[in-house]
PDB file of all heavy atoms in Angstrom:
ATOM      1  N   GLY A   1      96.557  84.652 123.974  1.00  0.00           N
ATOM      2  CA  GLY A   1      97.070  85.529 125.014  1.00  0.00           C
ATOM      3  C   GLY A   1      97.978  86.603 124.440  1.00  0.00           C
ATOM      4  O   GLY A   1      97.661  87.228 123.421  1.00  0.00           O
ATOM      5  N   PRO A   2      99.146  86.845 125.036  1.00  0.00           N
ATOM      6  CA  PRO A   2     100.052  87.902 124.567  1.00  0.00           C
ATOM      7  C   PRO A   2     100.510  87.721 123.124  1.00  0.00           C
ATOM      8  O   PRO A   2     100.881  88.698 122.473  1.00  0.00           O
ATOM      9  CB  PRO A   2     101.228  87.801 125.537  1.00  0.00           C
ATOM     10  CG  PRO A   2     100.674  87.151 126.763  1.00  0.00           C
ATOM     11  CD  PRO A   2      99.623  86.208 126.286  1.00  0.00           C
ATOM     12  N   ALA A   3     100.491  86.491 122.619  1.00  0.00           N
ATOM     13  CA  ALA A   3     100.959  86.243 121.249  1.00  0.00           C
ATOM     14  C   ALA A   3     100.073  86.914 120.211  1.00  0.00           C
ATOM     15  O   ALA A   3     100.514  87.140 119.075  1.00  0.00           O
ATOM     16  CB  ALA A   3     101.018  84.731 120.984  1.00  0.00           C
ATOM     17  N   VAL A   4      98.827  87.263 120.572  1.00  0.00           N
ATOM     18  CA  VAL A   4      97.942  87.944 119.623  1.00  0.00           C
ATOM     19  C   VAL A   4      98.485  89.330 119.294  1.00  0.00           C
ATOM     20  O   VAL A   4      98.526  89.756 118.140  1.00  0.00           O
ATOM     21  CB  VAL A   4      96.505  88.040 120.180  1.00  0.00           C
ATOM     22  CG1 VAL A   4      95.611  88.819 119.223  1.00  0.00           C
ATOM     23  CG2 VAL A   4      95.926  86.644 120.409  1.00  0.00           C
ATOM     24  N   SER A   5      98.905  90.052 120.322  1.00  0.00           N
ATOM     25  CA  SER A   5      99.490  91.370 120.090  1.00  0.00           C
ATOM     26  C   SER A   5     100.806  91.261 119.327  1.00  0.00           C
ATOM     27  O   SER A   5     101.119  92.110 118.480  1.00  0.00           O
ATOM     28  CB  SER A   5      99.724  92.084 121.423  1.00  0.00           C
ATOM     29  OG  SER A   5      98.495  92.481 121.991  1.00  0.00           O
ATOM     30  N   THR A   6     101.574  90.228 119.604  1.00  0.00           N
ATOM     31  CA  THR A   6     102.810  90.007 118.848  1.00  0.00           C
ATOM     32  C   THR A   6     102.504  89.781 117.377  1.00  0.00           C
ATOM     33  O   THR A   6     103.206  90.290 116.494  1.00  0.00           O
ATOM     34  CB  THR A   6     103.566  88.789 119.413  1.00  0.00           C
ATOM     35  OG1 THR A   6     103.806  88.981 120.807  1.00  0.00           O
ATOM     36  CG2 THR A   6     104.886  88.586 118.705  1.00  0.00           C
ATOM     37  N   PHE A   7     101.459  89.028 117.103  1.00  0.00           N
ATOM     38  CA  PHE A   7     101.029  88.771 115.725  1.00  0.00           C
ATOM     39  C   PHE A   7     100.759  90.088 114.998  1.00  0.00           C
ATOM     40  O   PHE A   7     101.196  90.291 113.859  1.00  0.00           O
ATOM     41  CB  PHE A   7      99.777  87.896 115.728  1.00  0.00           C
ATOM     42  CG  PHE A   7      99.204  87.621 114.368  1.00  0.00           C
ATOM     43  CD1 PHE A   7      99.659  86.555 113.615  1.00  0.00           C
ATOM     44  CD2 PHE A   7      98.200  88.427 113.850  1.00  0.00           C
ATOM     45  CE1 PHE A   7      99.124  86.303 112.356  1.00  0.00           C
ATOM     46  CE2 PHE A   7      97.669  88.187 112.598  1.00  0.00           C
ATOM     47  CZ  PHE A   7      98.135  87.124 111.834  1.00  0.00           C
ATOM     48  N   ILE A   8     100.058  91.002 115.642  1.00  0.00           N
ATOM     49  CA  ILE A   8      99.728  92.278 115.000  1.00  0.00           C
ATOM     50  C   ILE A   8     100.979  93.127 114.805  1.00  0.00           C
ATOM     51  O   ILE A   8     101.149  93.788 113.775  1.00  0.00           O
ATOM     52  CB  ILE A   8      98.672  93.027 115.830  1.00  0.00           C
ATOM     53  CG1 ILE A   8      97.352  92.239 115.825  1.00  0.00           C
ATOM     54  CG2 ILE A   8      98.436  94.428 115.274  1.00  0.00           C
ATOM     55  CD1 ILE A   8      96.240  92.876 116.602  1.00  0.00           C
ATOM     56  N   GLN A   9     101.882  93.101 115.790  1.00  0.00           N
ATOM     57  CA  GLN A   9     103.122  93.867 115.652  1.00  0.00           C
ATOM     58  C   GLN A   9     103.951  93.358 114.474  1.00  0.00           C
ATOM     59  O   GLN A   9     104.526  94.152 113.713  1.00  0.00           O
ATOM     60  CB  GLN A   9     103.937  93.776 116.952  1.00  0.00           C
ATOM     61  CG  GLN A   9     103.307  94.461 118.146  1.00  0.00           C
ATOM     62  CD  GLN A   9     103.199  95.970 117.983  1.00  0.00           C
ATOM     63  OE1 GLN A   9     103.943  96.576 117.213  1.00  0.00           O
ATOM     64  NE2 GLN A   9     102.268  96.576 118.687  1.00  0.00           N
ATOM     65  N   VAL A  10     104.035  92.065 114.306  1.00  0.00           N
ATOM     66  CA  VAL A  10     104.777  91.493 113.173  1.00  0.00           C
ATOM     67  C   VAL A  10     104.052  91.799 111.865  1.00  0.00           C
ATOM     68  O   VAL A  10     104.685  92.111 110.842  1.00  0.00           O
ATOM     69  CB  VAL A  10     104.960  89.976 113.362  1.00  0.00           C
ATOM     70  CG1 VAL A  10     105.592  89.339 112.117  1.00  0.00           C
ATOM     71  CG2 VAL A  10     105.822  89.688 114.589  1.00  0.00           C
ATOM     72  N   LEU A  11     102.733  91.718 111.895  1.00  0.00           N
ATOM     73  CA  LEU A  11     101.929  92.010 110.708  1.00  0.00           C
ATOM     74  C   LEU A  11     102.187  93.429 110.213  1.00  0.00           C
ATOM     75  O   LEU A  11     102.252  93.671 108.997  1.00  0.00           O
ATOM     76  CB  LEU A  11     100.448  91.823 111.037  1.00  0.00           C
ATOM     77  CG  LEU A  11      99.443  92.095 109.909  1.00  0.00           C
ATOM     78  CD1 LEU A  11      99.645  91.097 108.768  1.00  0.00           C
ATOM     79  CD2 LEU A  11      98.012  92.004 110.436  1.00  0.00           C
ATOM     80  N   LYS A  12     102.361  94.385 111.122  1.00  0.00           N
ATOM     81  CA  LYS A  12     102.636  95.773 110.745  1.00  0.00           C
ATOM     82  C   LYS A  12     103.942  95.891 109.955  1.00  0.00           C
ATOM     83  O   LYS A  12     104.042  96.685 109.006  1.00  0.00           O
ATOM     84  CB  LYS A  12     102.679  96.648 111.998  1.00  0.00           C
ATOM     85  CG  LYS A  12     101.327  96.864 112.643  1.00  0.00           C
ATOM     86  CD  LYS A  12     101.424  97.302 114.093  1.00  0.00           C
ATOM     87  CE  LYS A  12     102.017  98.659 114.258  1.00  0.00           C
ATOM     88  NZ  LYS A  12     101.971  99.104 115.676  1.00  0.00           N
ATOM     89  N   LYS A  13     104.947  95.113 110.315  1.00  0.00           N
ATOM     90  CA  LYS A  13     106.222  95.156 109.598  1.00  0.00           C
ATOM     91  C   LYS A  13     106.065  94.658 108.167  1.00  0.00           C
ATOM     92  O   LYS A  13     106.607  95.256 107.219  1.00  0.00           O
ATOM     93  CB  LYS A  13     107.267  94.327 110.342  1.00  0.00           C
ATOM     94  CG  LYS A  13     107.573  94.853 111.743  1.00  0.00           C
ATOM     95  CD  LYS A  13     108.555  93.948 112.475  1.00  0.00           C
ATOM     96  CE  LYS A  13     108.812  94.463 113.898  1.00  0.00           C
ATOM     97  NZ  LYS A  13     109.741  93.583 114.651  1.00  0.00           N
ATOM     98  N   PHE A  14     105.329  93.572 107.997  1.00  0.00           N
ATOM     99  CA  PHE A  14     105.086  93.065 106.649  1.00  0.00           C
ATOM    100  C   PHE A  14     104.240  94.055 105.843  1.00  0.00           C
ATOM    101  O   PHE A  14     104.432  94.200 104.626  1.00  0.00           O
ATOM    102  CB  PHE A  14     104.385  91.706 106.711  1.00  0.00           C
ATOM    103  CG  PHE A  14     105.298  90.562 107.055  1.00  0.00           C
ATOM    104  CD1 PHE A  14     105.348  90.060 108.344  1.00  0.00           C
ATOM    105  CD2 PHE A  14     106.110  89.989 106.094  1.00  0.00           C
ATOM    106  CE1 PHE A  14     106.191  89.003 108.674  1.00  0.00           C
ATOM    107  CE2 PHE A  14     106.960  88.933 106.400  1.00  0.00           C
ATOM    108  CZ  PHE A  14     107.004  88.443 107.692  1.00  0.00           C
ATOM    109  N   LEU A  15     103.304  94.717 106.504  1.00  0.00           N
ATOM    110  CA  LEU A  15     102.466  95.704 105.823  1.00  0.00           C
ATOM    111  C   LEU A  15     103.314  96.812 105.209  1.00  0.00           C
ATOM    112  O   LEU A  15     103.098  97.201 104.049  1.00  0.00           O
ATOM    113  CB  LEU A  15     101.458  96.300 106.815  1.00  0.00           C
ATOM    114  CG  LEU A  15     100.643  97.494 106.316  1.00  0.00           C
ATOM    115  CD1 LEU A  15      99.660  97.045 105.236  1.00  0.00           C
ATOM    116  CD2 LEU A  15      99.893  98.153 107.475  1.00  0.00           C
ATOM    117  N   ILE A  16     104.264  97.334 105.970  1.00  0.00           N
ATOM    118  CA  ILE A  16     105.132  98.394 105.468  1.00  0.00           C
ATOM    119  C   ILE A  16     105.866  97.936 104.211  1.00  0.00           C
ATOM    120  O   ILE A  16     105.958  98.658 103.207  1.00  0.00           O
ATOM    121  CB  ILE A  16     106.149  98.822 106.552  1.00  0.00           C
ATOM    122  CG1 ILE A  16     105.445  99.582 107.673  1.00  0.00           C
ATOM    123  CG2 ILE A  16     107.248  99.678 105.950  1.00  0.00           C
ATOM    124  CD1 ILE A  16     104.891 100.914 107.252  1.00  0.00           C
ATOM    125  N   VAL A  17     106.384  96.716 104.238  1.00  0.00           N
ATOM    126  CA  VAL A  17     107.146  96.201 103.096  1.00  0.00           C
ATOM    127  C   VAL A  17     106.270  96.112 101.852  1.00  0.00           C
ATOM    128  O   VAL A  17     106.652  96.584 100.763  1.00  0.00           O
ATOM    129  CB  VAL A  17     107.752  94.822 103.435  1.00  0.00           C
ATOM    130  CG1 VAL A  17     108.410  94.209 102.198  1.00  0.00           C
ATOM    131  CG2 VAL A  17     108.761  94.939 104.560  1.00  0.00           C
ATOM    132  N   VAL A  18     105.083  95.515 101.980  1.00  0.00           N
ATOM    133  CA  VAL A  18     104.251  95.296 100.783  1.00  0.00           C
ATOM    134  C   VAL A  18     103.697  96.609 100.234  1.00  0.00           C
ATOM    135  O   VAL A  18     103.541  96.754  99.008  1.00  0.00           O
ATOM    136  CB  VAL A  18     103.108  94.297 101.078  1.00  0.00           C
ATOM    137  CG1 VAL A  18     103.675  92.934 101.436  1.00  0.00           C
ATOM    138  CG2 VAL A  18     102.163  94.793 102.154  1.00  0.00           C
ATOM    139  N   VAL A  19     103.405  97.578 101.087  1.00  0.00           N
ATOM    140  CA  VAL A  19     102.913  98.871 100.586  1.00  0.00           C
ATOM    141  C   VAL A  19     104.030  99.634  99.876  1.00  0.00           C
ATOM    142  O   VAL A  19     103.808 100.267  98.839  1.00  0.00           O
ATOM    143  CB  VAL A  19     102.294  99.707 101.726  1.00  0.00           C
ATOM    144  CG1 VAL A  19     101.957 101.117 101.243  1.00  0.00           C
ATOM    145  CG2 VAL A  19     101.033  99.037 102.261  1.00  0.00           C
ATOM    146  N   LEU A  20     105.255  99.569 100.403  1.00  0.00           N
ATOM    147  CA  LEU A  20     106.386 100.203  99.730  1.00  0.00           C
ATOM    148  C   LEU A  20     106.636  99.565  98.362  1.00  0.00           C
ATOM    149  O   LEU A  20     106.924 100.264  97.375  1.00  0.00           O
ATOM    150  CB  LEU A  20     107.644 100.098 100.598  1.00  0.00           C
ATOM    151  CG  LEU A  20     107.695 101.006 101.832  1.00  0.00           C
ATOM    152  CD1 LEU A  20     108.947 100.717 102.653  1.00  0.00           C
ATOM    153  CD2 LEU A  20     107.653 102.484 101.429  1.00  0.00           C
ATOM    154  N   LEU A  21     106.519  98.247  98.283  1.00  0.00           N
ATOM    155  CA  LEU A  21     106.685  97.573  96.996  1.00  0.00           C
ATOM    156  C   LEU A  21     105.549  97.922  96.039  1.00  0.00           C
ATOM    157  O   LEU A  21     105.760  97.998  94.821  1.00  0.00           O
ATOM    158  CB  LEU A  21     106.754  96.056  97.214  1.00  0.00           C
ATOM    159  CG  LEU A  21     108.034  95.556  97.901  1.00  0.00           C
ATOM    160  CD1 LEU A  21     107.930  94.074  98.228  1.00  0.00           C
ATOM    161  CD2 LEU A  21     109.257  95.822  97.022  1.00  0.00           C
ATOM    162  N   ALA A  22     104.349  98.143  96.580  1.00  0.00           N
ATOM    163  CA  ALA A  22     103.233  98.576  95.741  1.00  0.00           C
ATOM    164  C   ALA A  22     103.493  99.976  95.180  1.00  0.00           C
ATOM    165  O   ALA A  22     103.174 100.268  94.016  1.00  0.00           O
ATOM    166  CB  ALA A  22     101.940  98.568  96.545  1.00  0.00           C
ATOM    167  N   LEU A  23     104.076 100.832  95.999  1.00  0.00           N
ATOM    168  CA  LEU A  23     104.461 102.162  95.508  1.00  0.00           C
ATOM    169  C   LEU A  23     105.489 102.048  94.387  1.00  0.00           C
ATOM    170  O   LEU A  23     105.441 102.813  93.404  1.00  0.00           O
ATOM    171  CB  LEU A  23     105.024 102.993  96.661  1.00  0.00           C
ATOM    172  CG  LEU A  23     104.012 103.669  97.582  1.00  0.00           C
ATOM    173  CD1 LEU A  23     104.724 104.279  98.790  1.00  0.00           C
ATOM    174  CD2 LEU A  23     103.216 104.737  96.837  1.00  0.00           C
ATOM    175  N   ALA A  24     106.406 101.107  94.521  1.00  0.00           N
ATOM    176  CA  ALA A  24     107.403 100.879  93.464  1.00  0.00           C
ATOM    177  C   ALA A  24     106.711 100.433  92.177  1.00  0.00           C
ATOM    178  O   ALA A  24     107.078 100.864  91.075  1.00  0.00           O
ATOM    179  CB  ALA A  24     108.418  99.836  93.922  1.00  0.00           C
ATOM    180  N   ASP A  25     105.715  99.562  92.302  1.00  0.00           N
ATOM    181  CA  ASP A  25     104.918  99.154  91.135  1.00  0.00           C
ATOM    182  C   ASP A  25     104.310 100.371  90.454  1.00  0.00           C
ATOM    183  O   ASP A  25     104.375 100.533  89.234  1.00  0.00           O
ATOM    184  CB  ASP A  25     103.792  98.209  91.555  1.00  0.00           C
ATOM    185  CG  ASP A  25     104.272  96.796  91.854  1.00  0.00           C
ATOM    186  OD1 ASP A  25     105.467  96.515  91.628  1.00  0.00           O
ATOM    187  OD2 ASP A  25     103.453  95.985  92.320  1.00  0.00           O
ATOM    188  N   SER A  26     103.689 101.229  91.266  1.00  0.00           N
ATOM    189  CA  SER A  26     102.974 102.385  90.729  1.00  0.00           C
ATOM    190  C   SER A  26     103.921 103.384  90.065  1.00  0.00           C
ATOM    191  O   SER A  26     103.621 103.929  88.997  1.00  0.00           O
ATOM    192  CB  SER A  26     102.188 103.073  91.859  1.00  0.00           C
ATOM    193  OG  SER A  26     101.425 104.151  91.376  1.00  0.00           O
ATOM    194  N   ILE A  27     105.072 103.615  90.678  1.00  0.00           N
ATOM    195  CA  ILE A  27     106.028 104.596  90.149  1.00  0.00           C
ATOM    196  C   ILE A  27     106.650 104.113  88.837  1.00  0.00           C
ATOM    197  O   ILE A  27     106.807 104.880  87.872  1.00  0.00           O
ATOM    198  CB  ILE A  27     107.132 104.893  91.190  1.00  0.00           C
ATOM    199  CG1 ILE A  27     106.518 105.629  92.397  1.00  0.00           C
ATOM    200  CG2 ILE A  27     108.256 105.711  90.584  1.00  0.00           C
ATOM    201  CD1 ILE A  27     107.466 105.770  93.571  1.00  0.00           C
ATOM    202  N   THR A  28     107.001 102.834  88.788  1.00  0.00           N
ATOM    203  CA  THR A  28     107.659 102.289  87.592  1.00  0.00           C
ATOM    204  C   THR A  28     106.674 101.897  86.495  1.00  0.00           C
ATOM    205  O   THR A  28     107.077 101.730  85.338  1.00  0.00           O
ATOM    206  CB  THR A  28     108.505 101.061  87.968  1.00  0.00           C
ATOM    207  OG1 THR A  28     107.646 100.041  88.528  1.00  0.00           O
ATOM    208  CG2 THR A  28     109.568 101.437  88.986  1.00  0.00           C
ATOM    209  N   GLY A  29     105.412 101.710  86.865  1.00  0.00           N
ATOM    210  CA  GLY A  29     104.426 101.301  85.875  1.00  0.00           C
ATOM    211  C   GLY A  29     104.495  99.843  85.502  1.00  0.00           C
ATOM    212  O   GLY A  29     103.963  99.415  84.471  1.00  0.00           O
ATOM    213  N   ARG A  30     105.151  99.044  86.322  1.00  0.00           N
ATOM    214  CA  ARG A  30     105.205  97.598  86.074  1.00  0.00           C
ATOM    215  C   ARG A  30     105.215  96.840  87.398  1.00  0.00           C
ATOM    216  O   ARG A  30     105.518  97.407  88.445  1.00  0.00           O
ATOM    217  CB  ARG A  30     106.436  97.228  85.242  1.00  0.00           C
ATOM    218  CG  ARG A  30     107.768  97.524  85.890  1.00  0.00           C
ATOM    219  CD  ARG A  30     108.905  97.439  84.891  1.00  0.00           C
ATOM    220  NE  ARG A  30     110.211  97.556  85.520  1.00  0.00           N
ATOM    221  CZ  ARG A  30     110.985  96.525  85.841  1.00  0.00           C
ATOM    222  NH1 ARG A  30     110.565  95.287  85.599  1.00  0.00           N
ATOM    223  NH2 ARG A  30     112.165  96.707  86.402  1.00  0.00           N
ATOM    224  N   LEU A  31     104.874  95.576  87.329  1.00  0.00           N
ATOM    225  CA  LEU A  31     104.780  94.754  88.536  1.00  0.00           C
ATOM    226  C   LEU A  31     106.184  94.283  88.909  1.00  0.00           C
ATOM    227  O   LEU A  31     106.659  93.243  88.444  1.00  0.00           O
ATOM    228  CB  LEU A  31     103.839  93.576  88.300  1.00  0.00           C
ATOM    229  CG  LEU A  31     102.409  93.962  87.874  1.00  0.00           C
ATOM    230  CD1 LEU A  31     101.586  92.726  87.548  1.00  0.00           C
ATOM    231  CD2 LEU A  31     101.729  94.785  88.958  1.00  0.00           C
ATOM    232  N   MET A  32     106.835  95.040  89.764  1.00  0.00           N
ATOM    233  CA  MET A  32     108.246  94.827  90.076  1.00  0.00           C
ATOM    234  C   MET A  32     108.526  93.447  90.644  1.00  0.00           C
ATOM    235  O   MET A  32     109.411  92.724  90.181  1.00  0.00           O
ATOM    236  CB  MET A  32     108.709  95.902  91.063  1.00  0.00           C
ATOM    237  CG  MET A  32     108.686  97.309  90.510  1.00  0.00           C
ATOM    238  SD  MET A  32     110.064  97.608  89.394  1.00  0.00           S
ATOM    239  CE  MET A  32     111.445  97.542  90.526  1.00  0.00           C
ATOM    240  N   VAL A  33     107.800  93.062  91.692  1.00  0.00           N
ATOM    241  CA  VAL A  33     108.046  91.777  92.358  1.00  0.00           C
ATOM    242  C   VAL A  33     107.782  90.626  91.404  1.00  0.00           C
ATOM    243  O   VAL A  33     108.586  89.674  91.306  1.00  0.00           O
ATOM    244  CB  VAL A  33     107.177  91.654  93.622  1.00  0.00           C
ATOM    245  CG1 VAL A  33     107.328  90.267  94.239  1.00  0.00           C
ATOM    246  CG2 VAL A  33     107.539  92.733  94.630  1.00  0.00           C
ATOM    247  N   HIS A  34     106.681  90.689  90.672  1.00  0.00           N
ATOM    248  CA  HIS A  34     106.338  89.616  89.747  1.00  0.00           C
ATOM    249  C   HIS A  34     107.387  89.485  88.650  1.00  0.00           C
ATOM    250  O   HIS A  34     107.797  88.368  88.296  1.00  0.00           O
ATOM    251  CB  HIS A  34     104.960  89.894  89.136  1.00  0.00           C
ATOM    252  CG  HIS A  34     103.834  89.623  90.056  1.00  0.00           C
ATOM    253  ND1 HIS A  34     102.820  88.729  89.776  1.00  0.00           N
ATOM    254  CD2 HIS A  34     103.545  90.123  91.289  1.00  0.00           C
ATOM    255  CE1 HIS A  34     101.956  88.696  90.781  1.00  0.00           C
ATOM    256  NE2 HIS A  34     102.381  89.535  91.711  1.00  0.00           N
ATOM    257  N   THR A  35     107.827  90.621  88.098  1.00  0.00           N
ATOM    258  CA  THR A  35     108.831  90.591  87.034  1.00  0.00           C
ATOM    259  C   THR A  35     110.154  90.025  87.542  1.00  0.00           C
ATOM    260  O   THR A  35     110.795  89.204  86.868  1.00  0.00           O
ATOM    261  CB  THR A  35     109.047  92.005  86.482  1.00  0.00           C
ATOM    262  OG1 THR A  35     107.804  92.537  86.021  1.00  0.00           O
ATOM    263  CG2 THR A  35     110.046  91.985  85.340  1.00  0.00           C
ATOM    264  N   THR A  36     110.548  90.458  88.730  1.00  0.00           N
ATOM    265  CA  THR A  36     111.818  89.998  89.300  1.00  0.00           C
ATOM    266  C   THR A  36     111.799  88.506  89.589  1.00  0.00           C
ATOM    267  O   THR A  36     112.736  87.766  89.244  1.00  0.00           O
ATOM    268  CB  THR A  36     112.128  90.776  90.590  1.00  0.00           C
ATOM    269  OG1 THR A  36     112.167  92.179  90.305  1.00  0.00           O
ATOM    270  CG2 THR A  36     113.457  90.345  91.171  1.00  0.00           C
ATOM    271  N   LEU A  37     110.744  88.038  90.249  1.00  0.00           N
ATOM    272  CA  LEU A  37     110.657  86.620  90.603  1.00  0.00           C
ATOM    273  C   LEU A  37     110.528  85.743  89.365  1.00  0.00           C
ATOM    274  O   LEU A  37     111.085  84.632  89.318  1.00  0.00           O
ATOM    275  CB  LEU A  37     109.477  86.386  91.542  1.00  0.00           C
ATOM    276  CG  LEU A  37     109.624  86.950  92.966  1.00  0.00           C
ATOM    277  CD1 LEU A  37     108.349  86.730  93.766  1.00  0.00           C
ATOM    278  CD2 LEU A  37     110.814  86.305  93.682  1.00  0.00           C
ATOM    279  N   ALA A  38     109.804  86.217  88.357  1.00  0.00           N
ATOM    280  CA  ALA A  38     109.688  85.445  87.119  1.00  0.00           C
ATOM    281  C   ALA A  38     111.053  85.290  86.455  1.00  0.00           C
ATOM    282  O   ALA A  38     111.371  84.227  85.897  1.00  0.00           O
ATOM    283  CB  ALA A  38     108.699  86.130  86.177  1.00  0.00           C
ATOM    284  N   GLY A  39     111.890  86.348  86.548  1.00  0.00           N
ATOM    285  CA  GLY A  39     113.238  86.248  85.995  1.00  0.00           C
ATOM    286  C   GLY A  39     114.117  85.297  86.787  1.00  0.00           C
ATOM    287  O   GLY A  39     114.895  84.533  86.210  1.00  0.00           O
ATOM    288  N   ILE A  40     113.985  85.323  88.119  1.00  0.00           N
ATOM    289  CA  ILE A  40     114.800  84.452  88.964  1.00  0.00           C
ATOM    290  C   ILE A  40     114.464  82.985  88.730  1.00  0.00           C
ATOM    291  O   ILE A  40     115.351  82.126  88.632  1.00  0.00           O
ATOM    292  CB  ILE A  40     114.613  84.822  90.451  1.00  0.00           C
ATOM    293  CG1 ILE A  40     115.204  86.219  90.723  1.00  0.00           C
ATOM    294  CG2 ILE A  40     115.265  83.775  91.353  1.00  0.00           C
ATOM    295  CD1 ILE A  40     114.924  86.724  92.123  1.00  0.00           C
ATOM    296  N   PHE A  41     113.161  82.683  88.635  1.00  0.00           N
ATOM    297  CA  PHE A  41     112.727  81.284  88.512  1.00  0.00           C
ATOM    298  C   PHE A  41     112.498  80.872  87.062  1.00  0.00           C
ATOM    299  O   PHE A  41     112.001  79.777  86.804  1.00  0.00           O
ATOM    300  CB  PHE A  41     111.444  81.073  89.318  1.00  0.00           C
ATOM    301  CG  PHE A  41     111.651  81.153  90.810  1.00  0.00           C
ATOM    302  CD1 PHE A  41     111.401  82.333  91.501  1.00  0.00           C
ATOM    303  CD2 PHE A  41     112.122  80.064  91.514  1.00  0.00           C
ATOM    304  CE1 PHE A  41     111.592  82.415  92.867  1.00  0.00           C
ATOM    305  CE2 PHE A  41     112.316  80.130  92.883  1.00  0.00           C
ATOM    306  CZ  PHE A  41     112.066  81.323  93.566  1.00  0.00           C
ATOM    307  N   HIS A  42     112.848  81.775  86.102  1.00  0.00           N
ATOM    308  CA  HIS A  42     112.734  81.473  84.676  1.00  0.00           C
ATOM    309  C   HIS A  42     111.332  80.975  84.313  1.00  0.00           C
ATOM    310  O   HIS A  42     111.152  79.964  83.623  1.00  0.00           O
ATOM    311  CB  HIS A  42     113.782  80.425  84.258  1.00  0.00           C
ATOM    312  CG  HIS A  42     115.179  80.803  84.613  1.00  0.00           C
ATOM    313  ND1 HIS A  42     115.880  81.808  83.963  1.00  0.00           N
ATOM    314  CD2 HIS A  42     116.023  80.332  85.586  1.00  0.00           C
ATOM    315  CE1 HIS A  42     117.088  81.922  84.490  1.00  0.00           C
ATOM    316  NE2 HIS A  42     117.204  81.060  85.480  1.00  0.00           N
ATOM    317  N   SER A  43     110.342  81.692  84.805  1.00  0.00           N
ATOM    318  CA  SER A  43     108.950  81.336  84.538  1.00  0.00           C
ATOM    319  C   SER A  43     108.243  82.501  83.851  1.00  0.00           C
ATOM    320  O   SER A  43     108.739  83.636  83.852  1.00  0.00           O
ATOM    321  CB  SER A  43     108.231  80.982  85.840  1.00  0.00           C
ATOM    322  OG  SER A  43     108.220  82.101  86.722  1.00  0.00           O
TER     323      SER A  43
END
């Protein structure tokens, strides 16, 4: 029911975040999220 539209609205917010982070990857020439998380978790 109405929760389907809510799902898409929330999905749009996550989309903006991941595309902006992808732009950061492209601008810096490195995988920003992967590098950061690997440093945090020492992996």
